[in-house]
């Protein structure tokens, strides 16, 4: 399982600031187990490669001792379970609204692009629904008239503009949605 949070706006800033940000969150007890609501502790690290750049970053693992549950702390510019960055996937989703799959500029194969459009598109539609409900319960009702329905990514952008609070993020809308979904202890992410 992953916890998505702002740990820097890009790989360089991640490398400079992520250790400080995660250590502060752990030491202040801000990272709580979704099951038992007890503070989580640092467990280990692993290396993750961002496929389109070849850059490697260290991802911290945290755990809940009572629940014996491990979580990776992912920066919001990555998507859980994806080898490419969230920025690359987001760019493909945006381009897919106006371009045919074989015309989208990306390092990813055409079959990967098709899979992103299908799988991530479905996840975005679920996220839109969850965020509409959540923002409405927080007193920020989302008018269906105010949101241009159609392309799921476009709806996500519009919904995030109606968020009750601003969350610090890398600017990637998929990552911002994942931060919101994570604060609600809802899984899975986009």
Protein backbone atom coordinates (compact mmCIF):
# COMPACT_ATOMS: atom_id res chain seq x y z
CA UNK A 1 0.00 0.00 0.00
CA UNK A 2 1.20 3.56 -0.66
CA UNK A 3 0.75 6.94 0.95
CA UNK A 4 1.01 9.79 -1.55
CA UNK A 5 2.20 13.16 -0.29
CA UNK A 6 4.07 16.24 -1.43
CA UNK A 7 7.78 15.47 -1.07
CA UNK A 8 9.14 17.92 -3.65
CA UNK A 9 7.94 19.24 -6.98
CA UNK A 10 10.42 17.18 -9.02
CA UNK A 11 13.18 14.59 -8.62
CA UNK A 12 15.84 17.17 -7.74
CA UNK A 13 13.73 18.78 -5.02
CA UNK A 14 12.65 15.32 -3.83
CA UNK A 15 16.29 14.32 -3.37
CA UNK A 16 17.00 17.57 -1.48
CA UNK A 17 13.92 17.76 0.76
CA UNK A 18 12.08 14.43 1.03
CA UNK A 19 14.12 13.06 3.95
CA UNK A 20 13.48 16.23 5.97
CA UNK A 21 9.76 16.28 5.11
CA UNK A 22 9.18 12.59 5.91
CA UNK A 23 11.27 12.66 9.10
CA UNK A 24 9.32 15.69 10.31
CA UNK A 25 5.98 14.01 9.51
CA UNK A 26 7.05 10.82 11.30
CA UNK A 27 8.50 12.63 14.35
CA UNK A 28 5.41 14.83 14.72
CA UNK A 29 3.08 11.82 14.45
CA UNK A 30 1.38 13.17 11.31
CA UNK A 31 1.50 9.81 9.52
CA UNK A 32 -1.20 7.72 11.14
CA UNK A 33 -2.32 4.20 10.38
CA UNK A 34 -5.66 4.20 8.57
CA UNK A 35 -6.74 1.12 10.54
CA UNK A 36 -5.79 1.85 14.17
CA UNK A 37 -4.93 5.60 13.95
CA UNK A 38 -1.58 5.10 15.71
CA UNK A 39 1.58 6.91 14.52
CA UNK A 40 3.65 5.03 11.98
CA UNK A 41 7.44 4.60 12.10
CA UNK A 42 10.14 4.41 9.46
CA UNK A 43 10.87 0.84 8.38
CA UNK A 44 13.16 0.70 5.35
CA UNK A 45 13.82 2.10 1.86
CA UNK A 46 13.87 0.82 -1.69
CA UNK A 47 15.02 2.20 -5.02
CA UNK A 48 12.51 3.07 -7.70
CA UNK A 49 13.39 3.98 -11.28
CA UNK A 50 11.36 6.52 -13.22
CA UNK A 51 11.20 4.84 -16.60
CA UNK A 52 11.08 7.80 -18.99
CA UNK A 53 14.10 9.52 -17.39
CA UNK A 54 16.02 6.53 -16.01
CA UNK A 55 16.47 8.42 -12.72
CA UNK A 56 16.44 6.43 -9.52
CA UNK A 57 15.04 7.69 -6.25
CA UNK A 58 14.92 6.21 -2.75
CA UNK A 59 11.39 5.56 -1.46
CA UNK A 60 10.87 5.33 2.31
CA UNK A 61 8.76 2.58 3.77
CA UNK A 62 6.84 3.20 6.99
CA UNK A 63 4.93 0.74 9.10
CA UNK A 64 2.33 0.44 11.80
CA UNK A 65 3.74 -1.84 14.50
CA UNK A 66 0.34 -2.88 15.99
CA UNK A 67 -1.20 -3.65 12.57
CA UNK A 68 2.09 -4.86 11.03
CA UNK A 69 1.18 -2.94 7.88
CA UNK A 70 3.83 -1.49 5.51
CA UNK A 71 3.33 1.62 3.35
CA UNK A 72 5.55 3.30 0.76
CA UNK A 73 5.75 7.11 1.00
CA UNK A 74 5.41 8.19 -2.62
CA UNK A 75 5.94 11.70 -3.94
CA UNK A 76 2.84 13.02 -5.70
CA UNK A 77 4.67 13.20 -9.03
CA UNK A 78 4.62 9.37 -9.11
CA UNK A 79 1.57 7.14 -9.34
CA UNK A 80 1.32 3.97 -7.26
CA UNK A 81 2.10 0.89 -9.31
CA UNK A 82 3.33 2.78 -12.39
CA UNK A 83 6.88 2.84 -13.78
CA UNK A 84 6.46 6.16 -15.58
CA UNK A 85 5.99 9.44 -13.72
CA UNK A 86 2.56 10.88 -13.06
CA UNK A 87 3.58 13.85 -15.20
CA UNK A 88 4.18 11.59 -18.21
CA UNK A 89 0.89 9.74 -17.72
CA UNK A 90 -0.99 13.00 -17.16
CA UNK A 91 0.48 14.43 -20.37
CA UNK A 92 -0.69 11.35 -22.29
CA UNK A 93 -4.21 11.64 -20.84
CA UNK A 94 -4.40 15.31 -21.82
CA UNK A 95 -3.14 14.60 -25.34
CA UNK A 96 -5.53 11.66 -25.74
CA UNK A 97 -8.48 14.07 -25.68
CA UNK A 98 -7.36 15.59 -29.00
CA UNK A 99 -4.82 13.17 -30.52
CA UNK A 100 -5.03 9.61 -31.74
CA UNK A 101 -2.98 7.16 -29.66
CA UNK A 102 -0.29 6.68 -32.31
CA UNK A 103 0.26 10.47 -32.52
CA UNK A 104 0.88 11.06 -28.79
CA UNK A 105 4.51 11.90 -28.07
CA UNK A 106 5.83 9.69 -25.28
CA UNK A 107 8.57 7.17 -24.59
CA UNK A 108 5.89 4.63 -23.65
CA UNK A 109 4.76 2.01 -26.14
CA UNK A 110 1.41 2.35 -27.87
CA UNK A 111 -0.02 -0.56 -25.86
CA UNK A 112 1.08 1.15 -22.61
CA UNK A 113 -0.58 4.39 -23.72
CA UNK A 114 -3.80 2.52 -24.49
CA UNK A 115 -3.66 0.84 -21.07
CA UNK A 116 -3.13 4.21 -19.32
CA UNK A 117 -6.05 5.76 -21.14
CA UNK A 118 -8.30 2.87 -20.10
CA UNK A 119 -7.06 2.10 -16.56
CA UNK A 120 -6.08 5.56 -15.37
CA UNK A 121 -9.14 7.02 -17.08
CA UNK A 122 -11.38 4.68 -15.07
CA UNK A 123 -9.52 5.58 -11.86
CA UNK A 124 -9.94 9.29 -12.62
CA UNK A 125 -13.70 8.81 -13.07
CA UNK A 126 -13.88 7.08 -9.66
CA UNK A 127 -11.75 9.83 -8.10
CA UNK A 128 -14.05 12.52 -9.54
CA UNK A 129 -17.04 10.83 -7.96
CA UNK A 130 -15.33 10.42 -4.56
CA UNK A 131 -14.05 14.01 -4.54
CA UNK A 132 -17.46 15.45 -5.52
CA UNK A 133 -19.05 13.58 -2.62
CA UNK A 134 -16.30 14.52 -0.17
CA UNK A 135 -16.23 18.21 -1.08
CA UNK A 136 -20.03 18.28 -0.85
CA UNK A 137 -19.95 16.79 2.65
CA UNK A 138 -17.41 19.47 3.63
CA UNK A 139 -19.88 22.17 2.62
CA UNK A 140 -18.44 22.77 -0.84
CA UNK A 141 -21.15 21.21 -2.97
CA UNK A 142 -20.16 20.66 -6.58
CA UNK A 143 -22.83 21.78 -8.99
CA UNK A 144 -23.18 19.40 -11.91
CA UNK A 145 -23.94 22.46 -14.05
CA UNK A 146 -20.59 24.02 -13.11
CA UNK A 147 -18.61 20.99 -14.31
CA UNK A 148 -18.32 20.31 -18.02
CA UNK A 149 -18.85 16.57 -18.23
CA UNK A 150 -17.07 14.55 -20.84
CA UNK A 151 -13.36 13.93 -20.61
CA UNK A 152 -12.59 12.48 -17.15
CA UNK A 153 -9.28 14.33 -16.77
CA UNK A 154 -10.96 17.65 -17.55
CA UNK A 155 -13.62 16.91 -14.92
CA UNK A 156 -10.88 16.13 -12.40
CA UNK A 157 -9.21 19.49 -13.07
CA UNK A 158 -12.52 21.29 -12.55
CA UNK A 159 -13.33 19.38 -9.35
CA UNK A 160 -9.89 20.11 -7.86
CA UNK A 161 -10.46 23.82 -8.48
CA UNK A 162 -13.53 23.53 -6.23
CA UNK A 163 -11.62 21.86 -3.38
CA UNK A 164 -12.37 23.29 0.09
CA UNK A 165 -8.65 23.71 0.85
CA UNK A 166 -5.48 24.00 -1.15
CA UNK A 167 -3.11 21.07 -0.72
CA UNK A 168 0.56 21.47 -1.39
CA UNK A 169 1.46 19.44 -4.45
CA UNK A 170 3.89 19.24 -7.35
CA UNK A 171 1.22 20.69 -9.65
CA UNK A 172 0.35 17.34 -11.19
CA UNK A 173 -3.47 16.97 -11.02
CA UNK A 174 -3.31 13.17 -10.68
CA UNK A 175 -0.94 13.59 -7.74
CA UNK A 176 -3.12 16.27 -6.16
CA UNK A 177 -6.14 13.97 -6.44
CA UNK A 178 -4.10 11.16 -4.85
CA UNK A 179 -3.16 13.43 -1.94
CA UNK A 180 -6.86 14.27 -1.40
CA UNK A 181 -7.90 10.63 -1.66
CA UNK A 182 -5.15 9.64 0.79
CA UNK A 183 -6.28 12.22 3.35
CA UNK A 184 -9.66 10.50 3.25
CA UNK A 185 -8.01 7.10 3.86
CA UNK A 186 -9.65 5.83 0.68
CA UNK A 187 -7.90 3.30 -1.51
CA UNK A 188 -7.04 2.63 -4.24
CA UNK A 189 -5.40 5.72 -5.63
CA UNK A 190 -5.45 6.82 -9.24
